[in-house]
C-alpha atoms as a PDB file:
ATOM      1  CA  MET A   1      -3.118 -11.882  16.945  1.00  0.00           C
ATOM      2  CA  THR A   2      -1.614 -11.943  13.442  1.00  0.00           C
ATOM      3  CA  ILE A   3      -3.802  -9.028  12.297  1.00  0.00           C
ATOM      4  CA  LYS A   4      -2.635  -6.889  15.234  1.00  0.00           C
ATOM      5  CA  ILE A   5       1.022  -7.610  14.438  1.00  0.00           C
ATOM      6  CA  LEU A   6       0.506  -6.707  10.774  1.00  0.00           C
ATOM      7  CA  ARG A   7      -1.184  -3.457  11.793  1.00  0.00           C
ATOM      8  CA  VAL A   8       1.702  -2.491  14.075  1.00  0.00           C
ATOM      9  CA  PHE A   9       4.196  -3.461  11.354  1.00  0.00           C
ATOM     10  CA  PHE A  10       2.624  -1.189   8.733  1.00  0.00           C
ATOM     11  CA  ILE A  11       2.389   1.714  11.188  1.00  0.00           C
ATOM     12  CA  GLY A  12       6.122   1.299  11.843  1.00  0.00           C
ATOM     13  CA  LEU A  13       6.836   1.368   8.103  1.00  0.00           C
ATOM     14  CA  LEU A  14       4.944   4.650   7.760  1.00  0.00           C
ATOM     15  CA  LEU A  15       6.951   6.178  10.618  1.00  0.00           C
ATOM     16  CA  LEU A  16      10.232   5.065   9.025  1.00  0.00           C
ATOM     17  CA  GLN A  17       9.252   6.481   5.647  1.00  0.00           C
ATOM     18  CA  PHE A  18       8.312   9.908   7.136  1.00  0.00           C
ATOM     19  CA  PRO A  19      11.861  11.350   6.724  1.00  0.00           C
ATOM     20  CA  LEU A  20      11.794  10.398   3.042  1.00  0.00           C
ATOM     21  CA  PHE A  21       8.722  12.599   2.509  1.00  0.00           C
ATOM     22  CA  GLN A  22      10.646  15.431   4.144  1.00  0.00           C
ATOM     23  CA  VAL A  23      13.469  14.908   1.631  1.00  0.00           C
ATOM     24  CA  VAL A  24      11.102  15.302  -1.312  1.00  0.00           C
ATOM     25  CA  ARG A  25       9.585  18.421   0.224  1.00  0.00           C
ATOM     26  CA  CYS A  26      12.946  20.012   0.988  1.00  0.00           C
ATOM     27  CA  GLN A  27      14.424  19.204  -2.408  1.00  0.00           C
ATOM     28  CA  SER A  28      11.655  21.125  -4.129  1.00  0.00           C
ATOM     29  CA  GLU A  29      12.631  24.201  -2.098  1.00  0.00           C
ATOM     30  CA  ILE A  30      16.404  23.945  -2.653  1.00  0.00           C
ATOM     31  CA  GLU A  31      17.925  26.467  -5.020  1.00  0.00           C
ATOM     32  CA  ALA A  32      21.479  27.121  -6.098  1.00  0.00           C
ATOM     33  CA  ASP A  33      23.149  29.511  -3.682  1.00  0.00           C
ATOM     34  CA  VAL A  34      26.032  31.778  -4.571  1.00  0.00           C
ATOM     35  CA  GLU A  35      28.644  32.651  -1.984  1.00  0.00           C
ATOM     36  CA  GLY A  36      31.432  35.160  -2.208  1.00  0.00           C
ATOM     37  CA  SER A  37      34.949  33.804  -2.251  1.00  0.00           C
ATOM     38  CA  GLU A  38      37.639  35.001   0.065  1.00  0.00           C
ATOM     39  CA  LEU A  39      39.865  35.409  -2.988  1.00  0.00           C
ATOM     40  CA  GLY A  40      38.203  38.631  -4.103  1.00  0.00           C
ATOM     41  CA  ILE A  41      35.052  40.695  -4.566  1.00  0.00           C
ATOM     42  CA  VAL A  42      32.132  39.054  -6.333  1.00  0.00           C
ATOM     43  CA  ARG A  43      31.421  40.532  -9.732  1.00  0.00           C
ATOM     44  CA  GLU A  44      27.948  41.832 -10.497  1.00  0.00           C
ATOM     45  CA  ASP A  45      27.629  39.840 -13.723  1.00  0.00           C
ATOM     46  CA  VAL A  46      28.556  36.505 -12.133  1.00  0.00           C
ATOM     47  CA  GLN A  47      24.920  35.357 -12.180  1.00  0.00           C
ATOM     48  CA  ASP A  48      25.105  35.360 -15.974  1.00  0.00           C
ATOM     49  CA  PHE A  49      27.731  32.608 -15.839  1.00  0.00           C
ATOM     50  CA  VAL A  50      26.600  30.478 -12.908  1.00  0.00           C
ATOM     51  CA  GLY A  51      24.229  27.750 -14.066  1.00  0.00           C
ATOM     52  CA  GLY A  52      25.089  28.285 -17.718  1.00  0.00           C
ATOM     53  CA  ASN A  53      25.987  25.680 -20.282  1.00  0.00           C
ATOM     54  CA  PHE A  54      29.274  26.429 -22.026  1.00  0.00           C
ATOM     55  CA  LYS A  55      31.720  24.296 -23.962  1.00  0.00           C
ATOM     56  CA  PRO A  56      35.204  23.467 -22.593  1.00  0.00           C
ATOM     57  CA  ALA A  57      38.154  25.450 -23.864  1.00  0.00           C
ATOM     58  CA  PRO A  58      40.957  23.648 -25.715  1.00  0.00           C
ATOM     59  CA  GLY A  59      44.192  23.384 -23.793  1.00  0.00           C
ATOM     60  CA  VAL A  60      42.578  23.323 -20.324  1.00  0.00           C
ATOM     61  CA  GLU A  61      42.881  20.204 -18.193  1.00  0.00           C
ATOM     62  CA  THR A  62      41.073  19.607 -14.884  1.00  0.00           C
ATOM     63  CA  ILE A  63      41.444  17.126 -12.044  1.00  0.00           C
ATOM     64  CA  CYS A  64      39.581  16.548  -8.759  1.00  0.00           C
ATOM     65  CA  LEU A  65      40.818  15.330  -5.380  1.00  0.00           C
ATOM     66  CA  PHE A  66      38.984  14.582  -2.131  1.00  0.00           C
ATOM     67  CA  PRO A  67      41.691  15.295   0.482  1.00  0.00           C
ATOM     68  CA  LYS A  68      41.888  12.626   3.208  1.00  0.00           C
ATOM     69  CA  ASN A  69      38.677  11.141   1.831  1.00  0.00           C
ATOM     70  CA  SER A  70      39.525   8.602  -0.853  1.00  0.00           C
ATOM     71  CA  ALA A  71      36.212   6.780  -0.285  1.00  0.00           C
ATOM     72  CA  LYS A  72      34.334   9.999  -1.192  1.00  0.00           C
ATOM     73  CA  VAL A  73      32.100   9.772   1.883  1.00  0.00           C
ATOM     74  CA  VAL A  74      29.854  12.820   2.309  1.00  0.00           C
ATOM     75  CA  PRO A  75      28.019  13.263   5.658  1.00  0.00           C
ATOM     76  CA  ALA A  76      24.550  14.707   5.097  1.00  0.00           C
ATOM     77  CA  GLY A  77      24.265  18.282   6.326  1.00  0.00           C
ATOM     78  CA  GLU A  78      28.005  18.698   6.969  1.00  0.00           C
ATOM     79  CA  LYS A  79      30.613  20.510   4.901  1.00  0.00           C
ATOM     80  CA  THR A  80      32.828  18.473   2.591  1.00  0.00           C
ATOM     81  CA  GLU A  81      35.927  19.823   0.870  1.00  0.00           C
ATOM     82  CA  LEU A  82      37.390  18.866  -2.463  1.00  0.00           C
ATOM     83  CA  LEU A  83      40.224  20.354  -4.494  1.00  0.00           C
ATOM     84  CA  VAL A  84      39.941  21.305  -8.154  1.00  0.00           C
ATOM     85  CA  GLY A  85      43.191  21.302 -10.097  1.00  0.00           C
ATOM     86  CA  MET A  86      43.492  23.181 -13.372  1.00  0.00           C
ATOM     87  CA  GLU A  87      46.285  23.245 -15.918  1.00  0.00           C
ATOM     88  CA  ASN A  88      46.424  25.887 -18.611  1.00  0.00           C
ATOM     89  CA  VAL A  89      48.465  24.640 -21.555  1.00  0.00           C
ATOM     90  CA  GLY A  90      47.110  27.321 -23.868  1.00  0.00           C
ATOM     91  CA  GLU A  91      48.611  30.644 -24.878  1.00  0.00           C
ATOM     92  CA  SER A  92      46.192  32.961 -23.059  1.00  0.00           C
ATOM     93  CA  PRO A  93      45.518  33.308 -19.312  1.00  0.00           C
ATOM     94  CA  LEU A  94      42.201  32.122 -17.985  1.00  0.00           C
ATOM     95  CA  ASN A  95      40.123  33.715 -15.230  1.00  0.00           C
ATOM     96  CA  ILE A  96      38.212  31.473 -12.839  1.00  0.00           C
ATOM     97  CA  ILE A  97      34.613  32.631 -12.419  1.00  0.00           C
ATOM     98  CA  ALA A  98      32.932  29.941 -10.300  1.00  0.00           C
ATOM     99  CA  ILE A  99      32.874  26.308  -9.263  1.00  0.00           C
ATOM    100  CA  GLU A 100      29.470  24.651  -9.065  1.00  0.00           C
ATOM    101  CA  ALA A 101      28.131  21.139  -8.585  1.00  0.00           C
ATOM    102  CA  SER A 102      24.905  19.168  -8.457  1.00  0.00           C
ATOM    103  CA  VAL A 103      23.731  15.812  -7.105  1.00  0.00           C
ATOM    104  CA  HIS A 104      21.852  13.347  -9.309  1.00  0.00           C
ATOM    105  CA  LEU A 105      20.391   9.879  -9.040  1.00  0.00           C
ATOM    106  CA  PRO A 106      23.010   7.307 -10.099  1.00  0.00           C
ATOM    107  CA  PHE A 107      20.746   5.444 -12.516  1.00  0.00           C
ATOM    108  CA  ASP A 108      19.344   8.556 -14.248  1.00  0.00           C
ATOM    109  CA  HIS A 109      21.244  11.863 -14.463  1.00  0.00           C
ATOM    110  CA  ARG A 110      18.094  13.611 -15.616  1.00  0.00           C
ATOM    111  CA  MET A 111      16.746  13.236 -12.078  1.00  0.00           C
ATOM    112  CA  LEU A 112      18.234  16.186 -10.203  1.00  0.00           C
ATOM    113  CA  VAL A 113      18.427  15.678  -6.452  1.00  0.00           C
ATOM    114  CA  GLN A 114      20.041  18.933  -5.349  1.00  0.00           C
ATOM    115  CA  ASN A 115      21.873  21.956  -6.731  1.00  0.00           C
ATOM    116  CA  LEU A 116      24.847  22.591  -4.480  1.00  0.00           C
ATOM    117  CA  THR A 117      26.263  25.949  -3.456  1.00  0.00           C
ATOM    118  CA  ALA A 118      28.294  27.696  -6.151  1.00  0.00           C
ATOM    119  CA  GLN A 119      31.690  29.018  -5.072  1.00  0.00           C
ATOM    120  CA  VAL A 120      32.408  32.294  -6.884  1.00  0.00           C
ATOM    121  CA  PHE A 121      35.912  33.684  -7.504  1.00  0.00           C
ATOM    122  CA  ASP A 122      37.293  37.023  -8.561  1.00  0.00           C
ATOM    123  CA  ASN A 123      40.860  37.954  -9.444  1.00  0.00           C
ATOM    124  CA  ALA A 124      41.682  34.228  -9.648  1.00  0.00           C
ATOM    125  CA  SER A 125      43.583  33.498 -12.841  1.00  0.00           C
ATOM    126  CA  VAL A 126      45.798  30.762 -14.253  1.00  0.00           C
ATOM    127  CA  PRO A 127      48.574  32.007 -16.544  1.00  0.00           C
ATOM    128  CA  PRO A 128      49.678  29.977 -19.577  1.00  0.00           C
ATOM    129  CA  SER A 129      51.722  26.837 -18.877  1.00  0.00           C
ATOM    130  CA  THR A 130      50.710  26.974 -15.208  1.00  0.00           C
ATOM    131  CA  GLN A 131      48.887  24.708 -12.792  1.00  0.00           C
ATOM    132  CA  ALA A 132      46.623  25.931  -9.985  1.00  0.00           C
ATOM    133  CA  THR A 133      44.436  24.371  -7.301  1.00  0.00           C
ATOM    134  CA  PHE A 134      41.161  25.791  -6.004  1.00  0.00           C
ATOM    135  CA  PRO A 135      39.150  24.594  -2.989  1.00  0.00           C
ATOM    136  CA  TYR A 136      35.438  23.843  -3.209  1.00  0.00           C
ATOM    137  CA  ILE A 137      33.373  23.309  -0.072  1.00  0.00           C
ATOM    138  CA  PHE A 138      29.836  21.979  -0.340  1.00  0.00           C
ATOM    139  CA  ALA A 139      27.175  20.343   1.817  1.00  0.00           C
ATOM    140  CA  VAL A 140      24.312  18.096   0.751  1.00  0.00           C
ATOM    141  CA  SER A 141      20.930  18.448   2.428  1.00  0.00           C
ATOM    142  CA  LYS A 142      20.713  17.022   5.951  1.00  0.00           C
ATOM    143  CA  PHE A 143      17.393  15.435   4.936  1.00  0.00           C
ATOM    144  CA  LEU A 144      18.967  13.497   2.060  1.00  0.00           C
ATOM    145  CA  GLN A 145      18.587   9.746   2.498  1.00  0.00           C
ATOM    146  CA  PRO A 146      21.917   7.910   2.901  1.00  0.00           C
ATOM    147  CA  GLY A 147      23.036   6.048  -0.193  1.00  0.00           C
ATOM    148  CA  THR A 148      25.021   6.311  -3.408  1.00  0.00           C
ATOM    149  CA  PHE A 149      24.539   9.381  -5.595  1.00  0.00           C
ATOM    150  CA  ASP A 150      26.298  10.945  -8.574  1.00  0.00           C
ATOM    151  CA  LEU A 151      28.136  14.237  -8.157  1.00  0.00           C
ATOM    152  CA  VAL A 152      28.716  16.421 -11.223  1.00  0.00           C
ATOM    153  CA  GLY A 153      31.153  19.293 -10.669  1.00  0.00           C
ATOM    154  CA  THR A 154      32.041  21.979 -13.199  1.00  0.00           C
ATOM    155  CA  VAL A 155      34.331  25.031 -13.241  1.00  0.00           C
ATOM    156  CA  VAL A 156      33.365  28.138 -15.212  1.00  0.00           C
ATOM    157  CA  TYR A 157      36.141  30.369 -16.531  1.00  0.00           C
ATOM    158  CA  GLU A 158      36.910  33.065 -19.070  1.00  0.00           C
ATOM    159  CA  ILE A 159      39.530  33.241 -21.805  1.00  0.00           C
ATOM    160  CA  ASN A 160      39.742  36.501 -23.745  1.00  0.00           C
ATOM    161  CA  GLN A 161      36.336  37.494 -22.310  1.00  0.00           C
ATOM    162  CA  SER A 162      34.688  34.341 -23.657  1.00  0.00           C
ATOM    163  CA  PRO A 163      33.037  31.995 -21.114  1.00  0.00           C
ATOM    164  CA  TYR A 164      33.936  28.305 -20.984  1.00  0.00           C
ATOM    165  CA  GLN A 165      33.077  25.414 -18.742  1.00  0.00           C
ATOM    166  CA  SER A 166      34.891  22.163 -17.915  1.00  0.00           C
ATOM    167  CA  THR A 167      33.680  19.191 -15.895  1.00  0.00           C
ATOM    168  CA  PHE A 168      36.211  18.297 -13.202  1.00  0.00           C
ATOM    169  CA  TYR A 169      34.253  15.439 -11.604  1.00  0.00           C
ATOM    170  CA  ASN A 170      31.461  13.167 -12.757  1.00  0.00           C
ATOM    171  CA  GLY A 171      31.280  10.172 -10.445  1.00  0.00           C
ATOM    172  CA  THR A 172      29.671   8.664  -7.384  1.00  0.00           C
ATOM    173  CA  ILE A 173      29.723   9.783  -3.766  1.00  0.00           C
ATOM    174  CA  GLU A 174      28.514   7.937  -0.692  1.00  0.00           C
ATOM    175  CA  VAL A 175      26.120   9.996   1.419  1.00  0.00           C
ATOM    176  CA  VAL A 176      26.002   8.870   5.053  1.00  0.00           C
ATOM    177  CA  GLU A 177      24.004  10.004   8.040  1.00  0.00           C
ATOM    178  CA  ALA A 178      25.918  12.578  10.039  1.00  0.00           C
ATOM    179  CA  GLY A 179      26.929  11.784  13.615  1.00  0.00           C
ATOM    180  CA  GLY A 180      25.945   8.120  13.623  1.00  0.00           C
ATOM    181  CA  PHE A 181      26.865   4.717  12.318  1.00  0.00           C
ATOM    182  CA  VAL A 182      23.286   3.494  11.876  1.00  0.00           C
ATOM    183  CA  SER A 183      21.274   4.919   9.004  1.00  0.00           C
ATOM    184  CA  VAL A 184      17.512   5.067   8.575  1.00  0.00           C
ATOM    185  CA  GLU A 185      17.771   2.589   5.721  1.00  0.00           C
ATOM    186  CA  SER A 186      19.630   0.100   7.940  1.00  0.00           C
ATOM    187  CA  VAL A 187      17.004   0.408  10.672  1.00  0.00           C
ATOM    188  CA  PHE A 188      14.253  -0.109   8.110  1.00  0.00           C
ATOM    189  CA  LEU A 189      15.877  -3.251   6.677  1.00  0.00           C
ATOM    190  CA  VAL A 190      16.523  -4.736  10.124  1.00  0.00           C
ATOM    191  CA  THR A 191      12.960  -4.015  11.222  1.00  0.00           C
ATOM    192  CA  LEU A 192      11.580  -5.521   8.033  1.00  0.00           C
ATOM    193  CA  GLY A 193      13.689  -8.681   8.476  1.00  0.00           C
ATOM    194  CA  ILE A 194      12.636  -9.152  12.097  1.00  0.00           C
ATOM    195  CA  SER A 195       8.971  -8.629  11.206  1.00  0.00           C
ATOM    196  CA  LEU A 196       9.147 -11.215   8.419  1.00  0.00           C
ATOM    197  CA  LEU A 197      10.773 -13.736  10.765  1.00  0.00           C
ATOM    198  CA  VAL A 198       8.046 -13.148  13.378  1.00  0.00           C
ATOM    199  CA  LEU A 199       5.295 -13.603  10.799  1.00  0.00           C
ATOM    200  CA  LEU A 200       6.957 -16.784   9.526  1.00  0.00           C
ATOM    201  CA  GLY A 201       7.197 -18.147  13.069  1.00  0.00           C
ATOM    202  CA  LEU A 202       3.499 -17.406  13.708  1.00  0.00           C
ATOM    203  CA  TRP A 203       2.527 -19.124  10.466  1.00  0.00           C
ATOM    204  CA  ILE A 204       4.570 -22.254  11.303  1.00  0.00           C
ATOM    205  CA  HIS A 205       3.095 -22.340  14.821  1.00  0.00           C
ATOM    206  CA  GLY A 206      -0.424 -22.106  13.390  1.00  0.00           C
ATOM    207  CA  GLN A 207       0.252 -24.964  10.976  1.00  0.00           C
ATOM    208  CA  PHE A 208       1.549 -27.246  13.756  1.00  0.00           C
ATOM    209  CA  LYS A 209      -1.438 -26.386  15.936  1.00  0.00           C
ATOM    210  CA  ARG A 210      -3.892 -27.178  13.136  1.00  0.00           C
ATOM    211  CA  ILE A 211      -2.239 -30.523  12.425  1.00  0.00           C
ATOM    212  CA  SER A 212      -2.297 -31.509  16.115  1.00  0.00           C
ATOM    213  CA  GLN A 213      -5.999 -30.656  16.390  1.00  0.00           C
ATOM    214  CA  LYS A 214      -6.812 -32.839  13.385  1.00  0.00           C
ATOM    215  CA  THR A 215      -4.871 -35.719  14.909  1.00  0.00           C
ATOM    216  CA  LYS A 216      -6.786 -35.535  18.210  1.00  0.00           C
ATOM    217  CA  ALA A 217     -10.173 -35.339  16.475  1.00  0.00           C
ATOM    218  CA  ALA A 218      -9.612 -38.487  14.327  1.00  0.00           C
ATOM    219  CA  PRO A 219     -11.836 -41.536  15.449  1.00  0.00           C
ATOM    220  CA  LYS A 220     -10.061 -44.485  17.014  1.00  0.00           C
ATOM    221  CA  VAL A 221     -10.530 -47.940  15.402  1.00  0.00           C
ATOM    222  CA  GLU A 222     -10.117 -50.855  17.796  1.00  0.00           C
ATOM    223  CA  VAL A 223      -9.180 -54.246  16.422  1.00  0.00           C
ATOM    224  CA  GLY A 224      -9.857 -57.192  18.735  1.00  0.00           C
ATOM    225  CA  THR A 225     -10.515 -60.963  18.654  1.00  0.00           C
ATOM    226  CA  GLY A 226     -13.731 -62.127  17.117  1.00  0.00           C
ATOM    227  CA  THR A 227     -16.441 -63.801  19.301  1.00  0.00           C
ATOM    228  CA  THR A 228     -18.848 -66.526  18.266  1.00  0.00           C
ATOM    229  CA  ASP A 229     -22.504 -66.157  19.105  1.00  0.00           C
ATOM    230  CA  ALA A 230     -24.058 -69.192  20.896  1.00  0.00           C
ATOM    231  CA  SER A 231     -27.232 -68.924  18.814  1.00  0.00           C
ATOM    232  CA  MET A 232     -25.133 -69.219  15.694  1.00  0.00           C
ATOM    233  CA  ASP A 233     -23.620 -72.477  17.017  1.00  0.00           C
ATOM    234  CA  GLU A 234     -27.054 -73.905  17.720  1.00  0.00           C
ATOM    235  CA  TRP A 235     -28.224 -72.995  14.249  1.00  0.00           C
ATOM    236  CA  LEU A 236     -25.227 -74.756  12.668  1.00  0.00           C
ATOM    237  CA  GLN A 237     -25.638 -77.964  14.674  1.00  0.00           C
ATOM    238  CA  GLY A 238     -26.100 -80.984  12.457  1.00  0.00           C
ATOM    239  CA  THR A 239     -24.850 -79.250   9.357  1.00  0.00           C
ATOM    240  CA  ALA A 240     -21.795 -80.213   7.364  1.00  0.00           C
ATOM    241  CA  TYR A 241     -19.996 -77.076   8.544  1.00  0.00           C
ATOM    242  CA  ASN A 242     -20.442 -78.084  12.218  1.00  0.00           C
ATOM    243  CA  GLN A 243     -19.226 -81.627  11.587  1.00  0.00           C
ATOM    244  CA  SER A 244     -16.087 -80.447   9.767  1.00  0.00           C
ATOM    245  CA  SER A 245     -15.345 -78.001  12.581  1.00  0.00           C
ATOM    246  CA  SER A 246     -15.661 -80.805  15.165  1.00  0.00           C
ATOM    247  CA  LYS A 247     -13.270 -83.060  13.252  1.00  0.00           C
ATOM    248  CA  SER A 248     -10.699 -80.298  12.948  1.00  0.00           C
ATOM    249  CA  LYS A 249     -10.886 -79.597  16.728  1.00  0.00           C
ATOM    250  CA  LYS A 250     -10.372 -83.363  17.515  1.00  0.00           C
ATOM    251  CA  LYS A 251      -7.295 -83.443  15.280  1.00  0.00           C
ATOM    252  CA  LYS A 252      -5.808 -80.549  17.229  1.00  0.00           C
END
């Protein structure tokens, strides 16, 4: 009985872990996409800037805001919007080239989970001593397991035809399963807890049953009053022991 339950339990674990294997497979096929912005025509040389590694320009400040989403909850497979604010305190105008982001494991940024879609701009500039806000819409993979991940967002821009890059967000986001309140991880934990309780109950029941069987199989020892054999009395007649016993009986 216990072996059958364990077999069913492990089969259930394999079924629950199947979506996780799909995540690994899909992540290996994900590449950074580039979409044209509604703010202008995409330049032909934009691919030279997207995915690059440039230093930030002095005099440029950035800020990030998740509108109506202070908890930074990101439903898997659905679009999420954030706003990127830029302030140019320098002397030259800057041209926004693209906004890009990536998802990493929270305990190790070297482990890339997904490159998100890059939003490309053209004819989007920030004059000196001016602030501007740019929208960025992204969507994590619908196969991504719910949990906490790190989001790294950067904005690429030009000043005097020199490329620069500033990080506008480097923090955690909470990925949740879209369209439901119960995640695969929650179902797995509940199933695991119930299975452990069932196994514990079966073990306790087996221990009680074993103890009761040992108690029933134990031999019974009867303690009763002793009897005196008549032949023994005849053999003791005339001895000192018999005479002392007779005297003690007469005294009683």
